[in-house]
PDB file of N, CA and C in Angstrom:
ATOM      1  N   MET A   1     -27.105   1.790  -8.326  1.00  0.00           N
ATOM      2  CA  MET A   1     -26.215   2.551  -9.087  1.00  0.00           C
ATOM      3  C   MET A   1     -25.096   2.546  -8.783  1.00  0.00           C
ATOM      4  N   GLN A   2     -24.371   2.535 -10.066  1.00  0.00           N
ATOM      5  CA  GLN A   2     -22.488   2.187  -9.908  1.00  0.00           C
ATOM      6  C   GLN A   2     -21.574   3.535  -9.849  1.00  0.00           C
ATOM      7  N   ILE A   3     -20.992   3.599  -9.232  1.00  0.00           N
ATOM      8  CA  ILE A   3     -20.554   4.840  -9.328  1.00  0.00           C
ATOM      9  C   ILE A   3     -18.483   4.303  -9.478  1.00  0.00           C
ATOM     10  N   LEU A   4     -18.071   4.959 -10.472  1.00  0.00           N
ATOM     11  CA  LEU A   4     -16.374   4.499 -10.570  1.00  0.00           C
ATOM     12  C   LEU A   4     -15.664   5.470 -10.357  1.00  0.00           C
ATOM     13  N   ALA A   5     -14.578   5.149  -9.973  1.00  0.00           N
ATOM     14  CA  ALA A   5     -13.490   6.471  -9.659  1.00  0.00           C
ATOM     15  C   ALA A   5     -12.526   6.304 -10.303  1.00  0.00           C
ATOM     16  N   LYS A   6     -11.859   7.581 -11.052  1.00  0.00           N
ATOM     17  CA  LYS A   6     -10.806   7.314 -12.584  1.00  0.00           C
ATOM     18  C   LYS A   6      -9.763   7.600 -11.337  1.00  0.00           C
ATOM     19  N   THR A   7      -8.551   7.112 -11.904  1.00  0.00           N
ATOM     20  CA  THR A   7      -7.231   7.340 -11.402  1.00  0.00           C
ATOM     21  C   THR A   7      -6.579   8.708 -11.778  1.00  0.00           C
ATOM     22  N   TYR A   8      -6.346   9.400 -10.520  1.00  0.00           N
ATOM     23  CA  TYR A   8      -6.019  11.033 -11.261  1.00  0.00           C
ATOM     24  C   TYR A   8      -5.119  11.514  -9.524  1.00  0.00           C
ATOM     25  N   THR A   9      -4.717  12.341  -9.982  1.00  0.00           N
ATOM     26  CA  THR A   9      -3.477  12.999  -8.743  1.00  0.00           C
ATOM     27  C   THR A   9      -4.168  14.603  -9.659  1.00  0.00           C
ATOM     28  N   SER A  10      -4.395  15.291  -8.321  1.00  0.00           N
ATOM     29  CA  SER A  10      -4.500  16.885  -8.574  1.00  0.00           C
ATOM     30  C   SER A  10      -3.541  17.367  -9.167  1.00  0.00           C
ATOM     31  N   LEU A  11      -3.698  18.468 -10.403  1.00  0.00           N
ATOM     32  CA  LEU A  11      -2.749  19.149 -10.914  1.00  0.00           C
ATOM     33  C   LEU A  11      -2.831  20.144  -9.988  1.00  0.00           C
ATOM     34  N   SER A  12      -3.926  20.461  -9.041  1.00  0.00           N
ATOM     35  CA  SER A  12      -4.124  22.271  -8.319  1.00  0.00           C
ATOM     36  C   SER A  12      -2.913  21.360  -7.046  1.00  0.00           C
ATOM     37  N   LEU A  13      -1.934  22.186  -6.891  1.00  0.00           N
ATOM     38  CA  LEU A  13      -1.131  21.692  -5.628  1.00  0.00           C
ATOM     39  C   LEU A  13      -0.964  23.168  -4.758  1.00  0.00           C
ATOM     40  N   ALA A  14      -2.284  23.405  -4.380  1.00  0.00           N
ATOM     41  CA  ALA A  14      -2.662  24.119  -3.467  1.00  0.00           C
ATOM     42  C   ALA A  14      -1.789  23.992  -1.879  1.00  0.00           C
ATOM     43  N   TYR A  15      -1.286  22.806  -1.916  1.00  0.00           N
ATOM     44  CA  TYR A  15      -0.635  22.426  -0.870  1.00  0.00           C
ATOM     45  C   TYR A  15       0.618  21.770  -1.022  1.00  0.00           C
ATOM     46  N   ASN A  16       1.648  21.704  -0.114  1.00  0.00           N
ATOM     47  CA  ASN A  16       2.676  21.309  -1.052  1.00  0.00           C
ATOM     48  C   ASN A  16       3.206  19.951   0.216  1.00  0.00           C
ATOM     49  N   GLY A  17       2.317  19.292   0.628  1.00  0.00           N
ATOM     50  CA  GLY A  17       2.386  17.827   1.578  1.00  0.00           C
ATOM     51  C   GLY A  17       2.691  16.831   0.583  1.00  0.00           C
ATOM     52  N   TYR A  18       3.267  15.861   0.852  1.00  0.00           N
ATOM     53  CA  TYR A  18       3.412  14.703   0.207  1.00  0.00           C
ATOM     54  C   TYR A  18       3.590  13.554   1.093  1.00  0.00           C
ATOM     55  N   ILE A  19       2.961  12.105   0.531  1.00  0.00           N
ATOM     56  CA  ILE A  19       3.514  11.152   0.716  1.00  0.00           C
ATOM     57  C   ILE A  19       3.823   9.993   0.407  1.00  0.00           C
ATOM     58  N   ALA A  20       5.200   9.688   0.358  1.00  0.00           N
ATOM     59  CA  ALA A  20       5.731   8.678  -0.378  1.00  0.00           C
ATOM     60  C   ALA A  20       6.601   7.780   0.489  1.00  0.00           C
ATOM     61  N   GLY A  21       6.330   6.631  -0.700  1.00  0.00           N
ATOM     62  CA  GLY A  21       6.824   5.466  -0.631  1.00  0.00           C
ATOM     63  C   GLY A  21       8.256   5.466  -0.176  1.00  0.00           C
ATOM     64  N   SER A  22       8.806   5.167   0.413  1.00  0.00           N
ATOM     65  CA  SER A  22      10.499   5.136   0.526  1.00  0.00           C
ATOM     66  C   SER A  22      10.814   4.262   1.865  1.00  0.00           C
ATOM     67  N   GLY A  23      12.280   4.050   1.789  1.00  0.00           N
ATOM     68  CA  GLY A  23      12.507   3.181   2.746  1.00  0.00           C
ATOM     69  C   GLY A  23      11.294   2.441   3.342  1.00  0.00           C
ATOM     70  N   ASP A  24      11.114   1.783   4.514  1.00  0.00           N
ATOM     71  CA  ASP A  24      10.130   1.113   5.156  1.00  0.00           C
ATOM     72  C   ASP A  24       9.033   1.376   4.401  1.00  0.00           C
ATOM     73  N   GLY A  25       8.151   1.714   3.969  1.00  0.00           N
ATOM     74  CA  GLY A  25       7.216   2.596   3.533  1.00  0.00           C
ATOM     75  C   GLY A  25       6.803   1.775   1.659  1.00  0.00           C
ATOM     76  N   ILE A  26       7.942   1.301   1.222  1.00  0.00           N
ATOM     77  CA  ILE A  26       7.796   1.072  -0.181  1.00  0.00           C
ATOM     78  C   ILE A  26       6.827   0.083  -0.512  1.00  0.00           C
ATOM     79  N   VAL A  27       6.420  -0.402  -1.528  1.00  0.00           N
ATOM     80  CA  VAL A  27       4.958  -1.484  -1.634  1.00  0.00           C
ATOM     81  C   VAL A  27       6.072  -2.728  -2.233  1.00  0.00           C
ATOM     82  N   THR A  28       5.494  -3.821  -1.201  1.00  0.00           N
ATOM     83  CA  THR A  28       6.150  -5.089  -1.321  1.00  0.00           C
ATOM     84  C   THR A  28       5.148  -6.279  -1.346  1.00  0.00           C
ATOM     85  N   VAL A  29       5.622  -7.348  -1.838  1.00  0.00           N
ATOM     86  CA  VAL A  29       4.967  -8.552  -1.555  1.00  0.00           C
ATOM     87  C   VAL A  29       6.207  -9.542  -1.763  1.00  0.00           C
ATOM     88  N   VAL A  30       5.697 -10.297  -0.168  1.00  0.00           N
ATOM     89  CA  VAL A  30       6.516 -11.482   0.190  1.00  0.00           C
ATOM     90  C   VAL A  30       7.928 -10.860   0.398  1.00  0.00           C
ATOM     91  N   GLY A  31       8.421  -9.811   0.622  1.00  0.00           N
ATOM     92  CA  GLY A  31       9.278  -8.836   1.059  1.00  0.00           C
ATOM     93  C   GLY A  31      10.275  -8.140  -0.230  1.00  0.00           C
ATOM     94  N   LYS A  32       8.964  -8.558  -1.250  1.00  0.00           N
ATOM     95  CA  LYS A  32      10.020  -7.899  -2.323  1.00  0.00           C
ATOM     96  C   LYS A  32       9.182  -6.792  -3.082  1.00  0.00           C
ATOM     97  N   PRO A  33      10.066  -5.506  -3.829  1.00  0.00           N
ATOM     98  CA  PRO A  33       9.370  -4.404  -3.598  1.00  0.00           C
ATOM     99  C   PRO A  33       8.637  -5.001  -5.444  1.00  0.00           C
ATOM    100  N   GLU A  34       7.236  -4.433  -5.240  1.00  0.00           N
ATOM    101  CA  GLU A  34       6.308  -4.566  -6.736  1.00  0.00           C
ATOM    102  C   GLU A  34       5.492  -3.355  -6.976  1.00  0.00           C
ATOM    103  N   SER A  35       4.934  -3.458  -8.054  1.00  0.00           N
ATOM    104  CA  SER A  35       3.851  -2.570  -8.447  1.00  0.00           C
ATOM    105  C   SER A  35       2.227  -2.720  -8.159  1.00  0.00           C
ATOM    106  N   ARG A  36       1.994  -2.371  -7.320  1.00  0.00           N
ATOM    107  CA  ARG A  36       1.020  -2.395  -7.309  1.00  0.00           C
ATOM    108  C   ARG A  36       0.389  -0.977  -7.099  1.00  0.00           C
ATOM    109  N   LYS A  37      -1.735  -1.015  -7.411  1.00  0.00           N
ATOM    110  CA  LYS A  37      -2.442   0.250  -7.140  1.00  0.00           C
ATOM    111  C   LYS A  37      -2.600   0.750  -5.665  1.00  0.00           C
ATOM    112  N   ILE A  38      -2.462   1.676  -5.224  1.00  0.00           N
ATOM    113  CA  ILE A  38      -2.874   2.637  -4.059  1.00  0.00           C
ATOM    114  C   ILE A  38      -3.536   3.639  -3.770  1.00  0.00           C
ATOM    115  N   TRP A  39      -4.563   3.684  -3.301  1.00  0.00           N
ATOM    116  CA  TRP A  39      -5.658   4.270  -3.066  1.00  0.00           C
ATOM    117  C   TRP A  39      -5.027   5.139  -1.746  1.00  0.00           C
ATOM    118  N   LEU A  40      -5.585   6.344  -1.632  1.00  0.00           N
ATOM    119  CA  LEU A  40      -5.404   7.385  -0.754  1.00  0.00           C
ATOM    120  C   LEU A  40      -6.549   8.059  -0.295  1.00  0.00           C
ATOM    121  N   LEU A  41      -6.874   7.754   0.408  1.00  0.00           N
ATOM    122  CA  LEU A  41      -8.477   8.646   1.219  1.00  0.00           C
ATOM    123  C   LEU A  41      -8.202   9.039   2.569  1.00  0.00           C
ATOM    124  N   ASN A  42      -9.380  10.046   2.479  1.00  0.00           N
ATOM    125  CA  ASN A  42      -9.385  10.915   3.596  1.00  0.00           C
ATOM    126  C   ASN A  42      -9.694  10.517   5.069  1.00  0.00           C
ATOM    127  N   SER A  43      -8.815  10.678   5.860  1.00  0.00           N
ATOM    128  CA  SER A  43      -9.247   9.666   6.971  1.00  0.00           C
ATOM    129  C   SER A  43     -10.843   9.785   8.129  1.00  0.00           C
ATOM    130  N   GLN A  44     -11.080  10.571   8.022  1.00  0.00           N
ATOM    131  CA  GLN A  44     -12.063  11.269   8.446  1.00  0.00           C
ATOM    132  C   GLN A  44     -13.725  10.963   7.458  1.00  0.00           C
ATOM    133  N   THR A  45     -13.383  11.046   6.139  1.00  0.00           N
ATOM    134  CA  THR A  45     -14.497  10.996   5.438  1.00  0.00           C
ATOM    135  C   THR A  45     -14.742   9.678   4.606  1.00  0.00           C
ATOM    136  N   LEU A  46     -13.308   8.907   4.596  1.00  0.00           N
ATOM    137  CA  LEU A  46     -12.602   8.137   3.543  1.00  0.00           C
ATOM    138  C   LEU A  46     -13.076   7.919   2.079  1.00  0.00           C
ATOM    139  N   ALA A  47     -13.572   9.650   2.116  1.00  0.00           N
ATOM    140  CA  ALA A  47     -13.554   9.681   0.421  1.00  0.00           C
ATOM    141  C   ALA A  47     -12.160   9.426  -0.590  1.00  0.00           C
ATOM    142  N   VAL A  48     -12.065   8.869  -1.667  1.00  0.00           N
ATOM    143  CA  VAL A  48     -10.790   8.907  -2.006  1.00  0.00           C
ATOM    144  C   VAL A  48     -10.151  10.127  -2.948  1.00  0.00           C
ATOM    145  N   GLU A  49      -9.040  10.506  -2.581  1.00  0.00           N
ATOM    146  CA  GLU A  49      -8.194  11.860  -3.060  1.00  0.00           C
ATOM    147  C   GLU A  49      -7.879  11.590  -4.146  1.00  0.00           C
ATOM    148  N   GLN A  50      -6.569  10.502  -3.891  1.00  0.00           N
ATOM    149  CA  GLN A  50      -5.958  10.572  -5.474  1.00  0.00           C
ATOM    150  C   GLN A  50      -5.862   8.619  -5.135  1.00  0.00           C
ATOM    151  N   VAL A  51      -5.414   8.307  -6.600  1.00  0.00           N
ATOM    152  CA  VAL A  51      -5.025   6.935  -6.865  1.00  0.00           C
ATOM    153  C   VAL A  51      -4.018   6.804  -7.399  1.00  0.00           C
ATOM    154  N   THR A  52      -3.015   6.248  -7.226  1.00  0.00           N
ATOM    155  CA  THR A  52      -1.649   5.844  -8.353  1.00  0.00           C
ATOM    156  C   THR A  52      -1.307   4.318  -8.159  1.00  0.00           C
ATOM    157  N   THR A  53      -0.163   4.294  -9.042  1.00  0.00           N
ATOM    158  CA  THR A  53       0.388   2.736  -8.810  1.00  0.00           C
ATOM    159  C   THR A  53       1.977   2.940  -8.565  1.00  0.00           C
ATOM    160  N   SER A  54       2.392   1.963  -7.833  1.00  0.00           N
ATOM    161  CA  SER A  54       3.343   2.161  -7.339  1.00  0.00           C
ATOM    162  C   SER A  54       4.530   1.270  -8.587  1.00  0.00           C
ATOM    163  N   LEU A  55       5.744   2.167  -8.248  1.00  0.00           N
ATOM    164  CA  LEU A  55       6.494   1.601  -9.571  1.00  0.00           C
ATOM    165  C   LEU A  55       7.108   0.144  -9.272  1.00  0.00           C
ATOM    166  N   ASN A  56       7.676  -0.074 -10.183  1.00  0.00           N
ATOM    167  CA  ASN A  56       8.245  -1.856  -9.919  1.00  0.00           C
ATOM    168  C   ASN A  56       9.024  -2.038  -8.663  1.00  0.00           C
ATOM    169  N   ASN A  57       9.768  -0.758  -8.448  1.00  0.00           N
ATOM    170  CA  ASN A  57      10.523  -0.984  -7.134  1.00  0.00           C
ATOM    171  C   ASN A  57      10.092  -0.566  -5.929  1.00  0.00           C
ATOM    172  N   GLY A  58       8.475  -0.897  -5.889  1.00  0.00           N
ATOM    173  CA  GLY A  58       8.356   0.035  -4.849  1.00  0.00           C
ATOM    174  C   GLY A  58       7.590   1.233  -4.430  1.00  0.00           C
ATOM    175  N   HIS A  59       8.157   2.143  -5.065  1.00  0.00           N
ATOM    176  CA  HIS A  59       8.403   3.524  -4.194  1.00  0.00           C
ATOM    177  C   HIS A  59       6.696   4.329  -5.164  1.00  0.00           C
ATOM    178  N   TYR A  60       6.535   5.151  -4.287  1.00  0.00           N
ATOM    179  CA  TYR A  60       5.025   6.026  -4.793  1.00  0.00           C
ATOM    180  C   TYR A  60       5.140   7.229  -3.931  1.00  0.00           C
ATOM    181  N   MET A  61       4.309   8.280  -5.105  1.00  0.00           N
ATOM    182  CA  MET A  61       4.259   9.452  -4.375  1.00  0.00           C
ATOM    183  C   MET A  61       2.979  10.139  -4.655  1.00  0.00           C
ATOM    184  N   PHE A  62       2.241  10.690  -3.443  1.00  0.00           N
ATOM    185  CA  PHE A  62       0.913  11.368  -3.422  1.00  0.00           C
ATOM    186  C   PHE A  62       1.489  12.611  -3.040  1.00  0.00           C
ATOM    187  N   LEU A  63       1.160  14.066  -4.156  1.00  0.00           N
ATOM    188  CA  LEU A  63       1.461  15.334  -4.014  1.00  0.00           C
ATOM    189  C   LEU A  63       0.424  16.114  -3.643  1.00  0.00           C
ATOM    190  N   GLY A  64       0.760  17.179  -3.154  1.00  0.00           N
ATOM    191  CA  GLY A  64      -0.508  18.338  -3.182  1.00  0.00           C
ATOM    192  C   GLY A  64      -0.975  18.197  -2.005  1.00  0.00           C
ATOM    193  N   LEU A  65      -0.735  17.418  -1.124  1.00  0.00           N
ATOM    194  CA  LEU A  65      -1.646  17.276  -0.031  1.00  0.00           C
ATOM    195  C   LEU A  65      -1.558  18.467   1.416  1.00  0.00           C
ATOM    196  N   ASP A  66      -2.651  18.479   2.080  1.00  0.00           N
ATOM    197  CA  ASP A  66      -2.444  19.416   2.929  1.00  0.00           C
ATOM    198  C   ASP A  66      -1.765  18.904   4.074  1.00  0.00           C
ATOM    199  N   ALA A  67      -0.922  19.274   4.491  1.00  0.00           N
ATOM    200  CA  ALA A  67      -0.273  18.829   5.537  1.00  0.00           C
ATOM    201  C   ALA A  67      -0.958  18.864   7.575  1.00  0.00           C
ATOM    202  N   ALA A  68      -2.048  19.090   7.042  1.00  0.00           N
ATOM    203  CA  ALA A  68      -2.704  19.481   8.337  1.00  0.00           C
ATOM    204  C   ALA A  68      -4.018  18.405   8.625  1.00  0.00           C
ATOM    205  N   LYS A  69      -4.145  17.353   7.326  1.00  0.00           N
ATOM    206  CA  LYS A  69      -4.994  16.436   7.866  1.00  0.00           C
ATOM    207  C   LYS A  69      -4.198  15.243   7.483  1.00  0.00           C
ATOM    208  N   GLU A  70      -5.317  14.084   7.950  1.00  0.00           N
ATOM    209  CA  GLU A  70      -4.358  12.776   8.227  1.00  0.00           C
ATOM    210  C   GLU A  70      -5.081  11.737   6.759  1.00  0.00           C
ATOM    211  N   TYR A  71      -4.509  11.047   6.379  1.00  0.00           N
ATOM    212  CA  TYR A  71      -5.014   9.886   5.283  1.00  0.00           C
ATOM    213  C   TYR A  71      -4.871   8.718   5.410  1.00  0.00           C
ATOM    214  N   LEU A  72      -5.746   7.717   4.913  1.00  0.00           N
ATOM    215  CA  LEU A  72      -5.358   6.001   5.159  1.00  0.00           C
ATOM    216  C   LEU A  72      -4.800   5.969   3.790  1.00  0.00           C
ATOM    217  N   VAL A  73      -3.706   5.451   3.302  1.00  0.00           N
ATOM    218  CA  VAL A  73      -3.146   4.765   2.583  1.00  0.00           C
ATOM    219  C   VAL A  73      -3.368   2.960   2.486  1.00  0.00           C
ATOM    220  N   MET A  74      -4.025   2.597   1.128  1.00  0.00           N
ATOM    221  CA  MET A  74      -4.518   1.487   1.342  1.00  0.00           C
ATOM    222  C   MET A  74      -3.941   0.793  -0.012  1.00  0.00           C
ATOM    223  N   VAL A  75      -3.278   0.111  -0.272  1.00  0.00           N
ATOM    224  CA  VAL A  75      -2.742  -1.351  -1.275  1.00  0.00           C
ATOM    225  C   VAL A  75      -3.419  -2.311  -1.320  1.00  0.00           C
ATOM    226  N   ARG A  76      -3.906  -2.764  -2.442  1.00  0.00           N
ATOM    227  CA  ARG A  76      -4.805  -4.070  -2.866  1.00  0.00           C
ATOM    228  C   ARG A  76      -3.708  -4.647  -3.759  1.00  0.00           C
ATOM    229  N   ASP A  77      -4.062  -6.402  -3.467  1.00  0.00           N
ATOM    230  CA  ASP A  77      -3.183  -7.160  -4.587  1.00  0.00           C
ATOM    231  C   ASP A  77      -4.388  -7.274  -5.399  1.00  0.00           C
ATOM    232  N   HIS A  78      -3.663  -6.860  -7.157  1.00  0.00           N
ATOM    233  CA  HIS A  78      -4.661  -7.073  -7.821  1.00  0.00           C
ATOM    234  C   HIS A  78      -4.531  -9.178  -8.159  1.00  0.00           C
ATOM    235  N   LYS A  79      -3.416  -9.777  -7.448  1.00  0.00           N
ATOM    236  CA  LYS A  79      -4.050 -11.060  -7.942  1.00  0.00           C
ATOM    237  C   LYS A  79      -4.313 -11.775  -7.124  1.00  0.00           C
ATOM    238  N   LYS A  80      -5.193 -11.009  -6.408  1.00  0.00           N
ATOM    239  CA  LYS A  80      -5.979 -11.700  -5.189  1.00  0.00           C
ATOM    240  C   LYS A  80      -5.218 -12.801  -4.371  1.00  0.00           C
ATOM    241  N   GLU A  81      -4.141 -13.158  -4.249  1.00  0.00           N
ATOM    242  CA  GLU A  81      -3.477 -13.726  -3.432  1.00  0.00           C
ATOM    243  C   GLU A  81      -3.449 -13.231  -1.471  1.00  0.00           C
ATOM    244  N   TYR A  82      -3.188 -12.031  -1.933  1.00  0.00           N
ATOM    245  CA  TYR A  82      -2.893 -11.261  -0.326  1.00  0.00           C
ATOM    246  C   TYR A  82      -4.038 -10.232   0.089  1.00  0.00           C
ATOM    247  N   GLU A  83      -3.866 -10.673   1.432  1.00  0.00           N
ATOM    248  CA  GLU A  83      -5.136  -9.272   1.989  1.00  0.00           C
ATOM    249  C   GLU A  83      -4.377  -7.696   1.385  1.00  0.00           C
ATOM    250  N   PRO A  84      -5.002  -7.076   1.201  1.00  0.00           N
ATOM    251  CA  PRO A  84      -4.714  -5.651   1.360  1.00  0.00           C
ATOM    252  C   PRO A  84      -4.407  -5.003   2.776  1.00  0.00           C
ATOM    253  N   PHE A  85      -3.665  -4.035   2.560  1.00  0.00           N
ATOM    254  CA  PHE A  85      -2.500  -3.292   3.497  1.00  0.00           C
ATOM    255  C   PHE A  85      -3.074  -2.061   3.327  1.00  0.00           C
ATOM    256  N   ALA A  86      -2.787  -1.605   5.246  1.00  0.00           N
ATOM    257  CA  ALA A  86      -3.133   0.176   4.638  1.00  0.00           C
ATOM    258  C   ALA A  86      -2.306   0.757   6.228  1.00  0.00           C
ATOM    259  N   TRP A  87      -2.248   1.759   5.962  1.00  0.00           N
ATOM    260  CA  TRP A  87      -1.771   2.558   6.617  1.00  0.00           C
ATOM    261  C   TRP A  87      -2.416   3.740   6.952  1.00  0.00           C
ATOM    262  N   ASP A  88      -2.915   3.907   8.437  1.00  0.00           N
ATOM    263  CA  ASP A  88      -4.106   4.875   8.923  1.00  0.00           C
ATOM    264  C   ASP A  88      -3.128   5.966   9.418  1.00  0.00           C
ATOM    265  N   TYR A  89      -3.769   6.954   9.230  1.00  0.00           N
ATOM    266  CA  TYR A  89      -3.601   8.288   9.817  1.00  0.00           C
ATOM    267  C   TYR A  89      -2.386   9.045   9.511  1.00  0.00           C
ATOM    268  N   VAL A  90      -2.067   8.660   8.359  1.00  0.00           N
ATOM    269  CA  VAL A  90      -0.580   9.297   7.685  1.00  0.00           C
ATOM    270  C   VAL A  90      -1.158  10.492   7.827  1.00  0.00           C
ATOM    271  N   LYS A  91      -0.063  11.123   8.244  1.00  0.00           N
ATOM    272  CA  LYS A  91       0.237  12.714   8.160  1.00  0.00           C
ATOM    273  C   LYS A  91       1.471  13.201   7.012  1.00  0.00           C
ATOM    274  N   PRO A  92       1.085  13.851   6.011  1.00  0.00           N
ATOM    275  CA  PRO A  92       2.197  14.357   5.280  1.00  0.00           C
ATOM    276  C   PRO A  92       2.840  14.684   5.059  1.00  0.00           C
ATOM    277  N   ALA A  93       4.321  14.709   4.792  1.00  0.00           N
ATOM    278  CA  ALA A  93       5.472  15.536   4.863  1.00  0.00           C
ATOM    279  C   ALA A  93       5.506  16.389   4.032  1.00  0.00           C
ATOM    280  N   ASP A  94       6.044  17.933   4.847  1.00  0.00           N
ATOM    281  CA  ASP A  94       6.167  19.054   3.954  1.00  0.00           C
ATOM    282  C   ASP A  94       7.687  19.764   3.768  1.00  0.00           C
ATOM    283  N   ASP A  95       8.499  18.786   4.465  1.00  0.00           N
ATOM    284  CA  ASP A  95       9.835  19.461   4.517  1.00  0.00           C
ATOM    285  C   ASP A  95      10.127  19.462   2.851  1.00  0.00           C
ATOM    286  N   LEU A  96       9.898  19.213   2.061  1.00  0.00           N
ATOM    287  CA  LEU A  96      10.677  19.426   0.461  1.00  0.00           C
ATOM    288  C   LEU A  96       9.580  20.277   0.165  1.00  0.00           C
ATOM    289  N   THR A  97      10.335  21.242  -1.149  1.00  0.00           N
ATOM    290  CA  THR A  97       9.510  22.180  -1.901  1.00  0.00           C
ATOM    291  C   THR A  97       8.900  21.466  -2.980  1.00  0.00           C
ATOM    292  N   VAL A  98       7.918  21.940  -3.925  1.00  0.00           N
ATOM    293  CA  VAL A  98       7.512  20.687  -4.639  1.00  0.00           C
ATOM    294  C   VAL A  98       8.801  20.326  -5.715  1.00  0.00           C
ATOM    295  N   ALA A  99       9.366  21.332  -6.446  1.00  0.00           N
ATOM    296  CA  ALA A  99      10.523  20.968  -6.711  1.00  0.00           C
ATOM    297  C   ALA A  99      11.662  19.879  -6.303  1.00  0.00           C
ATOM    298  N   GLU A 100      12.099  19.891  -5.336  1.00  0.00           N
ATOM    299  CA  GLU A 100      12.536  18.953  -4.470  1.00  0.00           C
ATOM    300  C   GLU A 100      12.248  17.426  -4.564  1.00  0.00           C
ATOM    301  N   GLN A 101      10.550  17.427  -4.302  1.00  0.00           N
ATOM    302  CA  GLN A 101       9.688  16.440  -4.121  1.00  0.00           C
ATOM    303  C   GLN A 101       9.737  15.756  -5.971  1.00  0.00           C
ATOM    304  N   GLN A 102       9.476  16.674  -6.806  1.00  0.00           N
ATOM    305  CA  GLN A 102       9.919  15.963  -8.213  1.00  0.00           C
ATOM    306  C   GLN A 102      11.447  15.301  -8.260  1.00  0.00           C
ATOM    307  N   ALA A 103      12.321  16.021  -7.874  1.00  0.00           N
ATOM    308  CA  ALA A 103      13.731  15.582  -7.585  1.00  0.00           C
ATOM    309  C   ALA A 103      13.741  14.276  -7.589  1.00  0.00           C
ATOM    310  N   LEU A 104      13.033  14.013  -6.412  1.00  0.00           N
ATOM    311  CA  LEU A 104      13.149  12.781  -5.239  1.00  0.00           C
ATOM    312  C   LEU A 104      12.639  11.913  -6.159  1.00  0.00           C
ATOM    313  N   TRP A 105      11.259  11.705  -6.781  1.00  0.00           N
ATOM    314  CA  TRP A 105      10.761  11.263  -7.752  1.00  0.00           C
ATOM    315  C   TRP A 105      11.397  10.525  -8.963  1.00  0.00           C
ATOM    316  N   GLN A 106      12.415  11.800  -9.153  1.00  0.00           N
ATOM    317  CA  GLN A 106      12.718  11.252 -10.576  1.00  0.00           C
ATOM    318  C   GLN A 106      13.967  10.048  -9.829  1.00  0.00           C
ATOM    319  N   THR A 107      14.629  10.172  -8.735  1.00  0.00           N
ATOM    320  CA  THR A 107      15.718   9.794  -8.707  1.00  0.00           C
ATOM    321  C   THR A 107      15.367   8.277  -8.591  1.00  0.00           C
ATOM    322  N   TRP A 108      13.944   7.815  -8.130  1.00  0.00           N
ATOM    323  CA  TRP A 108      13.202   6.381  -8.147  1.00  0.00           C
ATOM    324  C   TRP A 108      12.807   5.982  -9.183  1.00  0.00           C
ATOM    325  N   GLN A 109      13.072   6.577 -10.624  1.00  0.00           N
ATOM    326  CA  GLN A 109      12.747   6.403 -11.302  1.00  0.00           C
ATOM    327  C   GLN A 109      13.659   5.082 -12.291  1.00  0.00           C
TER     328      GLN A 109
END
């Protein structure tokens, strides 16, 4: 049996938690910001919650997350030159409103 996961971000923003690639958390390859696919997994079940792609400047954002949960954030290199990188037991921030999160995202464009 083959199961394929589609890239998606939940449109239901029941929660206002977010995980964002900023500061030291942006996606880099050999120290330079890069665009790569990023998976967000539930840290307990390892179920894929969301998938996104970082911008060319390395920034990314997962929205609508439950701030009470912990997640595994994983980046893989599609060029197969480097091993995957992961941040485990990441707790979403909830210090910004959804509108403020969108404004932050716009500053990275």
